[in-house]
Amino acid sequence: MTLRALALLIGLFPAPALAQAELAPGQWSITTRFQDAASAKMAPEALAAINGSNETRTVCLKAGEFASRAGELLSVADGRCEVANREWSGEGLRFVMRCIDPSGSPMESRVTAKLAGDSFQAQSRMSAPGPEGAPFTMTAIVDGRRTGECPAS
């Protein structure tokens, strides 16, 4: 399983999961860190390349558009995901997400998120069939923070 394929498994926030949440408009920095990757059938070098890797992107949000763009902003493109067992409590959200990545591989994540107007943090514990059917597990930590106003366009 390549790092790109693994990244495609992490669709953390499909739009319906956050329809009740709203974040402040402006420029946002979103960083996803991968850790605790494990599989009995993956080479130690492949696991080491995953563990500690991260991706950061910058996005601009207009007022009121987070819920409608959450899937685009916080999930992985090309992944097909369904959310189940969604539970809101205070500033938090928990749900189970089942996805099929573009290669057709299934993945299940247990996601917890804490949301605030100018920041959010989520943790997703993922499991999927790995090489030769051996289980593959990984944790993704997603941090988002508002960094200021959007650049003038």
N, C-alpha and C. Protein backbone atom coordinates (compact mmCIF):
# COMPACT_ATOMS: atom_id res chain seq x y z
N MET A 1 0.86 -1.16 0.00
CA MET A 1 0.00 0.00 0.00
C MET A 1 0.90 1.23 0.00
N THR A 2 0.74 2.12 -0.95
CA THR A 2 1.59 3.30 -1.06
C THR A 2 1.14 4.38 -0.09
N LEU A 3 2.01 5.36 0.15
CA LEU A 3 1.65 6.48 1.01
C LEU A 3 0.48 7.23 0.41
N ARG A 4 0.44 7.37 -0.92
CA ARG A 4 -0.68 8.05 -1.57
C ARG A 4 -1.98 7.27 -1.31
N ALA A 5 -1.92 5.96 -1.42
CA ALA A 5 -3.12 5.16 -1.16
C ALA A 5 -3.56 5.32 0.30
N LEU A 6 -2.59 5.37 1.21
CA LEU A 6 -2.93 5.56 2.62
C LEU A 6 -3.55 6.93 2.83
N ALA A 7 -2.99 7.94 2.19
CA ALA A 7 -3.55 9.28 2.35
C ALA A 7 -4.98 9.32 1.82
N LEU A 8 -5.26 8.56 0.79
CA LEU A 8 -6.60 8.54 0.24
C LEU A 8 -7.60 7.88 1.17
N LEU A 9 -7.11 7.17 2.17
CA LEU A 9 -7.99 6.51 3.12
C LEU A 9 -8.48 7.43 4.23
N ILE A 10 -7.97 8.65 4.34
CA ILE A 10 -8.22 9.42 5.54
C ILE A 10 -9.29 10.48 5.41
N GLY A 11 -10.29 10.26 4.67
CA GLY A 11 -11.36 11.26 4.53
C GLY A 11 -12.01 11.50 5.88
N LEU A 12 -11.49 12.41 6.66
CA LEU A 12 -11.95 12.59 8.03
C LEU A 12 -13.29 13.27 8.18
N PHE A 13 -13.62 14.21 7.31
CA PHE A 13 -14.82 15.01 7.53
C PHE A 13 -15.67 15.13 6.29
N PRO A 14 -16.50 14.18 5.98
CA PRO A 14 -17.42 14.41 4.89
C PRO A 14 -18.39 15.52 5.29
N ALA A 15 -18.88 16.29 4.35
CA ALA A 15 -19.71 17.46 4.62
C ALA A 15 -20.86 17.17 5.58
N PRO A 16 -21.63 16.09 5.44
CA PRO A 16 -22.75 15.88 6.35
C PRO A 16 -22.33 15.72 7.81
N ALA A 17 -21.12 15.25 8.06
CA ALA A 17 -20.70 15.04 9.45
C ALA A 17 -20.57 16.35 10.20
N LEU A 18 -20.30 17.45 9.51
CA LEU A 18 -20.10 18.72 10.20
C LEU A 18 -21.16 19.74 9.84
N ALA A 19 -22.29 19.31 9.36
CA ALA A 19 -23.31 20.25 8.94
C ALA A 19 -23.75 21.17 10.08
N GLN A 20 -23.62 20.75 11.34
CA GLN A 20 -24.02 21.58 12.46
C GLN A 20 -22.90 22.51 12.94
N ALA A 21 -21.71 22.34 12.45
CA ALA A 21 -20.58 23.13 12.93
C ALA A 21 -20.30 24.28 11.98
N GLU A 22 -19.75 25.34 12.52
CA GLU A 22 -19.33 26.45 11.69
C GLU A 22 -18.03 27.00 12.27
N LEU A 23 -17.12 27.33 11.41
CA LEU A 23 -15.86 27.90 11.82
C LEU A 23 -15.79 29.34 11.32
N ALA A 24 -14.95 30.13 11.95
CA ALA A 24 -14.81 31.54 11.58
C ALA A 24 -14.28 31.65 10.16
N PRO A 25 -14.75 32.65 9.41
CA PRO A 25 -14.22 32.86 8.06
C PRO A 25 -12.78 33.35 8.13
N GLY A 26 -12.05 33.10 7.06
CA GLY A 26 -10.66 33.56 6.97
C GLY A 26 -9.76 32.49 6.40
N GLN A 27 -8.47 32.74 6.51
CA GLN A 27 -7.46 31.79 6.04
C GLN A 27 -7.21 30.76 7.13
N TRP A 28 -7.15 29.48 6.71
CA TRP A 28 -6.96 28.37 7.64
C TRP A 28 -5.77 27.53 7.22
N SER A 29 -5.01 27.07 8.21
CA SER A 29 -3.94 26.11 8.00
C SER A 29 -4.43 24.77 8.58
N ILE A 30 -4.39 23.71 7.76
CA ILE A 30 -4.86 22.39 8.18
C ILE A 30 -3.70 21.41 8.02
N THR A 31 -3.32 20.78 9.12
CA THR A 31 -2.21 19.82 9.11
C THR A 31 -2.71 18.46 9.55
N THR A 32 -2.36 17.44 8.77
CA THR A 32 -2.67 16.05 9.11
C THR A 32 -1.36 15.33 9.39
N ARG A 33 -1.26 14.71 10.56
CA ARG A 33 -0.08 13.93 10.95
C ARG A 33 -0.47 12.47 11.05
N PHE A 34 0.38 11.60 10.55
CA PHE A 34 0.13 10.16 10.59
C PHE A 34 1.05 9.53 11.63
N GLN A 35 0.50 8.60 12.42
CA GLN A 35 1.30 7.93 13.44
C GLN A 35 0.72 6.55 13.72
N ASP A 36 1.48 5.76 14.42
CA ASP A 36 1.07 4.42 14.86
C ASP A 36 0.68 3.49 13.72
N ALA A 37 1.24 3.69 12.53
CA ALA A 37 0.96 2.78 11.41
C ALA A 37 1.56 1.41 11.74
N ALA A 38 0.75 0.37 11.53
CA ALA A 38 1.21 -0.98 11.86
C ALA A 38 0.55 -2.01 10.95
N SER A 39 1.34 -2.97 10.51
CA SER A 39 0.84 -4.12 9.75
C SER A 39 1.93 -5.18 9.74
N ALA A 40 1.54 -6.41 9.99
CA ALA A 40 2.51 -7.51 10.03
C ALA A 40 3.12 -7.78 8.66
N LYS A 41 2.45 -7.39 7.59
CA LYS A 41 2.93 -7.72 6.25
C LYS A 41 3.53 -6.53 5.51
N MET A 42 3.72 -5.40 6.19
CA MET A 42 4.36 -4.25 5.54
C MET A 42 5.81 -4.16 5.98
N ALA A 43 6.65 -3.77 5.06
CA ALA A 43 8.07 -3.61 5.37
C ALA A 43 8.25 -2.52 6.42
N PRO A 44 9.19 -2.72 7.34
CA PRO A 44 9.44 -1.70 8.35
C PRO A 44 9.74 -0.33 7.73
N GLU A 45 10.41 -0.32 6.57
CA GLU A 45 10.73 0.95 5.91
C GLU A 45 9.46 1.67 5.47
N ALA A 46 8.47 0.91 4.98
CA ALA A 46 7.20 1.51 4.55
C ALA A 46 6.46 2.09 5.74
N LEU A 47 6.43 1.35 6.86
CA LEU A 47 5.77 1.85 8.06
C LEU A 47 6.48 3.09 8.59
N ALA A 48 7.81 3.08 8.57
CA ALA A 48 8.58 4.24 9.04
C ALA A 48 8.31 5.46 8.18
N ALA A 49 8.10 5.27 6.89
CA ALA A 49 7.82 6.39 6.00
C ALA A 49 6.45 7.01 6.31
N ILE A 50 5.53 6.19 6.76
CA ILE A 50 4.19 6.69 7.09
C ILE A 50 4.21 7.39 8.44
N ASN A 51 4.77 6.71 9.45
CA ASN A 51 4.78 7.27 10.80
C ASN A 51 5.57 8.57 10.82
N GLY A 52 4.95 9.59 11.35
CA GLY A 52 5.61 10.89 11.43
C GLY A 52 5.44 11.75 10.19
N SER A 53 4.89 11.20 9.12
CA SER A 53 4.69 12.03 7.94
C SER A 53 3.51 12.97 8.19
N ASN A 54 3.50 14.08 7.46
CA ASN A 54 2.39 15.01 7.61
C ASN A 54 2.16 15.76 6.32
N GLU A 55 0.97 16.33 6.24
CA GLU A 55 0.57 17.15 5.10
C GLU A 55 -0.06 18.42 5.65
N THR A 56 0.30 19.56 5.11
CA THR A 56 -0.30 20.83 5.51
C THR A 56 -0.80 21.53 4.28
N ARG A 57 -1.97 22.11 4.41
CA ARG A 57 -2.52 22.90 3.31
C ARG A 57 -3.17 24.15 3.89
N THR A 58 -3.32 25.14 3.05
CA THR A 58 -3.95 26.40 3.43
C THR A 58 -5.20 26.58 2.60
N VAL A 59 -6.28 26.97 3.26
CA VAL A 59 -7.55 27.19 2.58
C VAL A 59 -8.16 28.50 3.06
N CYS A 60 -8.99 29.07 2.23
CA CYS A 60 -9.71 30.30 2.57
C CYS A 60 -11.19 29.96 2.70
N LEU A 61 -11.78 30.31 3.84
CA LEU A 61 -13.20 30.08 4.08
C LEU A 61 -13.94 31.40 4.14
N LYS A 62 -15.06 31.47 3.43
CA LYS A 62 -15.96 32.62 3.53
C LYS A 62 -16.96 32.34 4.65
N ALA A 63 -17.61 33.37 5.14
CA ALA A 63 -18.59 33.22 6.21
C ALA A 63 -19.68 32.23 5.79
N GLY A 64 -19.96 31.28 6.66
CA GLY A 64 -21.05 30.34 6.45
C GLY A 64 -20.80 29.21 5.48
N GLU A 65 -19.62 29.10 4.90
CA GLU A 65 -19.43 28.06 3.89
C GLU A 65 -18.72 26.81 4.38
N PHE A 66 -18.32 26.77 5.63
CA PHE A 66 -17.59 25.59 6.08
C PHE A 66 -18.39 24.31 5.92
N ALA A 67 -19.65 24.32 6.37
CA ALA A 67 -20.44 23.09 6.30
C ALA A 67 -20.59 22.59 4.87
N SER A 68 -20.77 23.50 3.93
CA SER A 68 -20.96 23.08 2.54
C SER A 68 -19.65 22.64 1.88
N ARG A 69 -18.50 23.07 2.42
CA ARG A 69 -17.21 22.71 1.82
C ARG A 69 -16.41 21.73 2.67
N ALA A 70 -16.97 21.24 3.77
CA ALA A 70 -16.19 20.40 4.68
C ALA A 70 -15.61 19.18 3.99
N GLY A 71 -16.38 18.53 3.15
CA GLY A 71 -15.86 17.36 2.45
C GLY A 71 -14.66 17.70 1.59
N GLU A 72 -14.76 18.80 0.88
CA GLU A 72 -13.65 19.25 0.03
C GLU A 72 -12.44 19.67 0.85
N LEU A 73 -12.67 20.36 1.96
CA LEU A 73 -11.58 20.93 2.74
C LEU A 73 -10.87 19.94 3.63
N LEU A 74 -11.61 19.01 4.20
CA LEU A 74 -11.05 18.18 5.26
C LEU A 74 -11.01 16.70 4.95
N SER A 75 -11.57 16.28 3.86
CA SER A 75 -11.49 14.88 3.53
C SER A 75 -10.61 14.72 2.30
N VAL A 76 -10.40 13.50 1.96
CA VAL A 76 -9.53 13.20 0.83
C VAL A 76 -10.38 13.10 -0.43
N ALA A 77 -9.96 13.78 -1.46
CA ALA A 77 -10.66 13.69 -2.74
C ALA A 77 -10.62 12.26 -3.23
N ASP A 78 -11.61 11.86 -3.94
CA ASP A 78 -11.72 10.55 -4.56
C ASP A 78 -12.10 9.43 -3.61
N GLY A 79 -12.22 9.70 -2.32
CA GLY A 79 -12.67 8.66 -1.40
C GLY A 79 -14.18 8.71 -1.28
N ARG A 80 -14.81 7.55 -1.24
CA ARG A 80 -16.27 7.47 -1.06
C ARG A 80 -16.51 7.03 0.38
N CYS A 81 -17.16 7.90 1.16
CA CYS A 81 -17.32 7.62 2.58
C CYS A 81 -18.77 7.77 3.02
N GLU A 82 -19.11 6.98 4.03
CA GLU A 82 -20.40 7.08 4.70
C GLU A 82 -20.15 7.23 6.19
N VAL A 83 -20.95 8.07 6.82
CA VAL A 83 -20.82 8.31 8.25
C VAL A 83 -21.93 7.59 8.99
N ALA A 84 -21.58 6.96 10.10
CA ALA A 84 -22.56 6.27 10.94
C ALA A 84 -22.32 6.65 12.40
N ASN A 85 -23.32 6.45 13.21
CA ASN A 85 -23.20 6.64 14.66
C ASN A 85 -22.68 8.03 15.03
N ARG A 86 -23.18 9.06 14.36
CA ARG A 86 -22.75 10.44 14.63
C ARG A 86 -23.32 10.90 15.96
N GLU A 87 -22.45 11.43 16.83
CA GLU A 87 -22.86 11.92 18.14
C GLU A 87 -22.24 13.28 18.39
N TRP A 88 -23.07 14.30 18.62
CA TRP A 88 -22.61 15.63 18.99
C TRP A 88 -22.70 15.75 20.50
N SER A 89 -21.70 16.36 21.13
CA SER A 89 -21.77 16.64 22.56
C SER A 89 -20.94 17.88 22.83
N GLY A 90 -21.61 18.96 23.22
CA GLY A 90 -20.90 20.21 23.47
C GLY A 90 -20.17 20.67 22.23
N GLU A 91 -18.85 20.82 22.34
CA GLU A 91 -18.03 21.24 21.21
C GLU A 91 -17.47 20.05 20.45
N GLY A 92 -17.88 18.85 20.82
CA GLY A 92 -17.28 17.66 20.23
C GLY A 92 -18.20 16.89 19.31
N LEU A 93 -17.59 16.05 18.52
CA LEU A 93 -18.29 15.21 17.57
C LEU A 93 -17.56 13.88 17.51
N ARG A 94 -18.33 12.79 17.50
CA ARG A 94 -17.77 11.45 17.32
C ARG A 94 -18.57 10.75 16.25
N PHE A 95 -17.89 9.96 15.43
CA PHE A 95 -18.59 9.17 14.43
C PHE A 95 -17.70 8.05 13.92
N VAL A 96 -18.34 7.11 13.26
CA VAL A 96 -17.64 6.03 12.56
C VAL A 96 -17.77 6.35 11.08
N MET A 97 -16.68 6.22 10.36
CA MET A 97 -16.72 6.47 8.94
C MET A 97 -16.21 5.25 8.20
N ARG A 98 -16.97 4.85 7.19
CA ARG A 98 -16.58 3.72 6.34
C ARG A 98 -16.34 4.26 4.94
N CYS A 99 -15.16 3.99 4.40
CA CYS A 99 -14.77 4.54 3.10
C CYS A 99 -14.30 3.44 2.16
N ILE A 100 -14.39 3.73 0.89
CA ILE A 100 -13.78 2.93 -0.16
C ILE A 100 -12.84 3.87 -0.89
N ASP A 101 -11.55 3.55 -0.91
CA ASP A 101 -10.61 4.43 -1.60
C ASP A 101 -10.68 4.18 -3.11
N PRO A 102 -10.02 5.03 -3.89
CA PRO A 102 -10.10 4.89 -5.35
C PRO A 102 -9.65 3.53 -5.89
N SER A 103 -8.83 2.81 -5.13
CA SER A 103 -8.39 1.49 -5.59
C SER A 103 -9.41 0.41 -5.25
N GLY A 104 -10.48 0.79 -4.51
CA GLY A 104 -11.51 -0.17 -4.14
C GLY A 104 -11.31 -0.79 -2.77
N SER A 105 -10.29 -0.37 -2.04
CA SER A 105 -10.01 -0.92 -0.72
C SER A 105 -10.92 -0.29 0.34
N PRO A 106 -11.50 -1.12 1.22
CA PRO A 106 -12.34 -0.58 2.29
C PRO A 106 -11.50 -0.11 3.47
N MET A 107 -12.03 0.82 4.24
CA MET A 107 -11.37 1.36 5.41
C MET A 107 -12.44 1.81 6.39
N GLU A 108 -12.20 1.62 7.67
CA GLU A 108 -13.11 2.13 8.69
C GLU A 108 -12.33 2.99 9.66
N SER A 109 -12.91 4.11 10.04
CA SER A 109 -12.28 5.03 10.99
C SER A 109 -13.23 5.33 12.13
N ARG A 110 -12.68 5.46 13.30
CA ARG A 110 -13.41 5.96 14.46
C ARG A 110 -12.84 7.34 14.72
N VAL A 111 -13.68 8.36 14.57
CA VAL A 111 -13.22 9.75 14.58
C VAL A 111 -13.80 10.48 15.78
N THR A 112 -12.95 11.25 16.45
CA THR A 112 -13.38 12.19 17.47
C THR A 112 -12.84 13.55 17.09
N ALA A 113 -13.64 14.58 17.27
CA ALA A 113 -13.22 15.93 16.91
C ALA A 113 -13.68 16.92 17.96
N LYS A 114 -12.87 17.93 18.20
CA LYS A 114 -13.23 19.05 19.06
C LYS A 114 -13.18 20.28 18.17
N LEU A 115 -14.30 21.02 18.14
CA LEU A 115 -14.43 22.16 17.24
C LEU A 115 -14.56 23.44 18.04
N ALA A 116 -13.92 24.50 17.56
CA ALA A 116 -14.05 25.84 18.13
C ALA A 116 -14.13 26.81 16.96
N GLY A 117 -14.48 28.03 17.20
CA GLY A 117 -14.65 28.99 16.12
C GLY A 117 -13.40 29.23 15.30
N ASP A 118 -12.23 29.21 15.94
CA ASP A 118 -11.01 29.51 15.22
C ASP A 118 -10.00 28.36 15.21
N SER A 119 -10.46 27.17 15.63
CA SER A 119 -9.58 26.01 15.59
C SER A 119 -10.40 24.72 15.69
N PHE A 120 -9.77 23.63 15.32
CA PHE A 120 -10.36 22.31 15.53
C PHE A 120 -9.23 21.30 15.62
N GLN A 121 -9.51 20.19 16.27
CA GLN A 121 -8.59 19.07 16.30
C GLN A 121 -9.41 17.79 16.18
N ALA A 122 -8.92 16.87 15.39
CA ALA A 122 -9.60 15.59 15.22
C ALA A 122 -8.59 14.46 15.28
N GLN A 123 -9.03 13.32 15.74
CA GLN A 123 -8.22 12.11 15.74
C GLN A 123 -9.03 11.01 15.10
N SER A 124 -8.40 10.29 14.20
CA SER A 124 -9.05 9.19 13.51
C SER A 124 -8.19 7.95 13.64
N ARG A 125 -8.79 6.90 14.20
CA ARG A 125 -8.10 5.61 14.29
C ARG A 125 -8.65 4.75 13.16
N MET A 126 -7.80 4.44 12.20
CA MET A 126 -8.21 3.76 10.98
C MET A 126 -7.77 2.31 10.98
N SER A 127 -8.59 1.47 10.33
CA SER A 127 -8.21 0.08 10.11
C SER A 127 -8.67 -0.32 8.72
N ALA A 128 -7.85 -1.14 8.08
CA ALA A 128 -8.13 -1.57 6.71
C ALA A 128 -7.40 -2.88 6.46
N PRO A 129 -7.88 -3.65 5.47
CA PRO A 129 -7.09 -4.81 5.08
C PRO A 129 -5.79 -4.33 4.46
N GLY A 130 -4.70 -4.87 4.88
CA GLY A 130 -3.41 -4.47 4.33
C GLY A 130 -2.89 -5.50 3.35
N PRO A 131 -1.60 -5.47 3.10
CA PRO A 131 -1.00 -6.43 2.19
C PRO A 131 -1.29 -7.87 2.61
N GLU A 132 -1.61 -8.71 1.67
CA GLU A 132 -1.88 -10.12 1.90
C GLU A 132 -2.96 -10.35 2.95
N GLY A 133 -3.88 -9.39 3.11
CA GLY A 133 -4.98 -9.54 4.05
C GLY A 133 -4.64 -9.25 5.50
N ALA A 134 -3.37 -8.94 5.79
CA ALA A 134 -2.99 -8.62 7.16
C ALA A 134 -3.58 -7.26 7.53
N PRO A 135 -4.12 -7.11 8.72
CA PRO A 135 -4.71 -5.82 9.10
C PRO A 135 -3.68 -4.69 9.05
N PHE A 136 -4.14 -3.54 8.63
CA PHE A 136 -3.34 -2.32 8.65
C PHE A 136 -4.08 -1.33 9.53
N THR A 137 -3.39 -0.72 10.49
CA THR A 137 -3.98 0.30 11.34
C THR A 137 -3.10 1.54 11.35
N MET A 138 -3.73 2.68 11.60
CA MET A 138 -2.99 3.94 11.62
C MET A 138 -3.86 4.98 12.32
N THR A 139 -3.22 5.96 12.90
CA THR A 139 -3.91 7.10 13.49
C THR A 139 -3.55 8.34 12.70
N ALA A 140 -4.55 9.17 12.44
CA ALA A 140 -4.32 10.47 11.82
C ALA A 140 -4.80 11.54 12.79
N ILE A 141 -3.97 12.53 13.01
CA ILE A 141 -4.32 13.68 13.85
C ILE A 141 -4.42 14.88 12.92
N VAL A 142 -5.56 15.56 12.96
CA VAL A 142 -5.78 16.72 12.09
C VAL A 142 -5.95 17.95 12.97
N ASP A 143 -5.11 18.96 12.73
CA ASP A 143 -5.20 20.22 13.44
C ASP A 143 -5.52 21.32 12.44
N GLY A 144 -6.52 22.11 12.74
CA GLY A 144 -6.83 23.26 11.91
C GLY A 144 -6.85 24.52 12.75
N ARG A 145 -6.32 25.60 12.19
CA ARG A 145 -6.36 26.86 12.92
C ARG A 145 -6.50 28.01 11.94
N ARG A 146 -7.26 28.99 12.36
CA ARG A 146 -7.43 30.19 11.56
C ARG A 146 -6.16 31.03 11.70
N THR A 147 -5.61 31.47 10.57
CA THR A 147 -4.34 32.21 10.61
C THR A 147 -4.50 33.68 10.27
N GLY A 148 -5.70 34.10 9.91
CA GLY A 148 -5.92 35.51 9.58
C GLY A 148 -6.98 35.66 8.51
N GLU A 149 -6.96 36.83 7.90
CA GLU A 149 -7.91 37.11 6.82
C GLU A 149 -7.45 36.45 5.53
N CYS A 150 -8.39 36.20 4.65
CA CYS A 150 -8.04 35.66 3.33
C CYS A 150 -7.32 36.74 2.53
N PRO A 151 -6.37 36.33 1.70
CA PRO A 151 -5.69 37.32 0.85
C PRO A 151 -6.70 37.96 -0.11
N ALA A 152 -6.49 39.21 -0.42
CA ALA A 152 -7.36 39.90 -1.39
C ALA A 152 -7.18 39.23 -2.75
N SER A 153 -8.30 39.02 -3.44
CA SER A 153 -8.17 38.38 -4.74
C SER A 153 -8.42 39.32 -5.88
